C-alpha atoms as a PDB file:
ATOM      1  CA  UNK A   1      32.067  51.588  10.638  1.00  0.00           C
ATOM      2  CA  UNK A   2      29.052  51.557  12.869  1.00  0.00           C
ATOM      3  CA  UNK A   3      28.642  49.157  15.769  1.00  0.00           C
ATOM      4  CA  UNK A   4      24.913  48.971  15.055  1.00  0.00           C
ATOM      5  CA  UNK A   5      23.423  45.734  13.682  1.00  0.00           C
ATOM      6  CA  UNK A   6      22.453  45.723   9.983  1.00  0.00           C
ATOM      7  CA  UNK A   7      18.949  46.836   9.040  1.00  0.00           C
ATOM      8  CA  UNK A   8      18.297  43.592   7.179  1.00  0.00           C
ATOM      9  CA  UNK A   9      19.709  40.135   7.593  1.00  0.00           C
ATOM     10  CA  UNK A  10      19.415  36.895   5.694  1.00  0.00           C
ATOM     11  CA  UNK A  11      20.102  35.880   2.156  1.00  0.00           C
ATOM     12  CA  UNK A  12      18.452  35.525  -1.187  1.00  0.00           C
ATOM     13  CA  UNK A  13      16.324  32.573  -2.170  1.00  0.00           C
ATOM     14  CA  UNK A  14      18.252  30.096  -4.297  1.00  0.00           C
ATOM     15  CA  UNK A  15      15.064  29.101  -6.116  1.00  0.00           C
ATOM     16  CA  UNK A  16      14.343  32.652  -7.236  1.00  0.00           C
ATOM     17  CA  UNK A  17      10.985  32.857  -5.506  1.00  0.00           C
ATOM     18  CA  UNK A  18       9.304  36.048  -4.373  1.00  0.00           C
ATOM     19  CA  UNK A  19       7.455  36.467  -1.115  1.00  0.00           C
ATOM     20  CA  UNK A  20       4.444  38.748  -1.485  1.00  0.00           C
ATOM     21  CA  UNK A  21       3.950  41.028   1.501  1.00  0.00           C
ATOM     22  CA  UNK A  22       0.539  42.625   1.763  1.00  0.00           C
ATOM     23  CA  UNK A  23       0.484  46.068   3.322  1.00  0.00           C
ATOM     24  CA  UNK A  24      -2.763  47.822   4.081  1.00  0.00           C
ATOM     25  CA  UNK A  25      -2.999  51.273   2.517  1.00  0.00           C
ATOM     26  CA  UNK A  26      -2.485  54.199   4.822  1.00  0.00           C
ATOM     27  CA  UNK A  27      -5.576  56.219   5.617  1.00  0.00           C
ATOM     28  CA  UNK A  28      -5.213  59.866   4.626  1.00  0.00           C
ATOM     29  CA  UNK A  29      -7.699  62.340   6.017  1.00  0.00           C
ATOM     30  CA  UNK A  30      -9.488  64.712   3.639  1.00  0.00           C
ATOM     31  CA  UNK A  31      -7.442  67.797   4.624  1.00  0.00           C
ATOM     32  CA  UNK A  32      -4.097  66.055   3.993  1.00  0.00           C
ATOM     33  CA  UNK A  33      -5.410  64.528   0.765  1.00  0.00           C
ATOM     34  CA  UNK A  34      -6.453  67.969  -0.533  1.00  0.00           C
ATOM     35  CA  UNK A  35      -2.992  69.408   0.222  1.00  0.00           C
ATOM     36  CA  UNK A  36      -1.142  66.447  -1.338  1.00  0.00           C
ATOM     37  CA  UNK A  37      -3.317  66.463  -4.464  1.00  0.00           C
ATOM     38  CA  UNK A  38      -2.776  70.195  -4.916  1.00  0.00           C
ATOM     39  CA  UNK A  39       1.001  69.818  -4.597  1.00  0.00           C
ATOM     40  CA  UNK A  40       1.096  66.902  -7.057  1.00  0.00           C
ATOM     41  CA  UNK A  41      -1.022  68.752  -9.617  1.00  0.00           C
ATOM     42  CA  UNK A  42       1.272  71.797  -9.453  1.00  0.00           C
ATOM     43  CA  UNK A  43       4.342  69.569  -9.785  1.00  0.00           C
ATOM     44  CA  UNK A  44       2.821  67.717 -12.741  1.00  0.00           C
ATOM     45  CA  UNK A  45       2.204  70.987 -14.611  1.00  0.00           C
ATOM     46  CA  UNK A  46       5.855  72.062 -14.310  1.00  0.00           C
ATOM     47  CA  UNK A  47       8.247  71.321 -17.195  1.00  0.00           C
ATOM     48  CA  UNK A  48      10.284  68.111 -17.084  1.00  0.00           C
ATOM     49  CA  UNK A  49      13.475  69.786 -18.341  1.00  0.00           C
ATOM     50  CA  UNK A  50      15.020  72.869 -16.728  1.00  0.00           C
ATOM     51  CA  UNK A  51      16.535  75.858 -18.561  1.00  0.00           C
ATOM     52  CA  UNK A  52      19.989  74.276 -18.269  1.00  0.00           C
ATOM     53  CA  UNK A  53      18.750  70.984 -19.743  1.00  0.00           C
ATOM     54  CA  UNK A  54      18.679  69.038 -16.475  1.00  0.00           C
ATOM     55  CA  UNK A  55      15.904  66.532 -15.764  1.00  0.00           C
ATOM     56  CA  UNK A  56      13.686  68.016 -13.047  1.00  0.00           C
ATOM     57  CA  UNK A  57      11.469  65.033 -12.259  1.00  0.00           C
END
């Protein structure tokens, strides 16, 4: 076991409520966006099932 403290502490709400946490979207520059979009498009065009029947995505 690690001697480090846990990453999260606390418990669950007994009332079953949800706390909405707003996070501002990360800014992606145009060069990174072009690379990411290209990679996602290529991935999307690949088959979902491999030759051995395994799920690839």
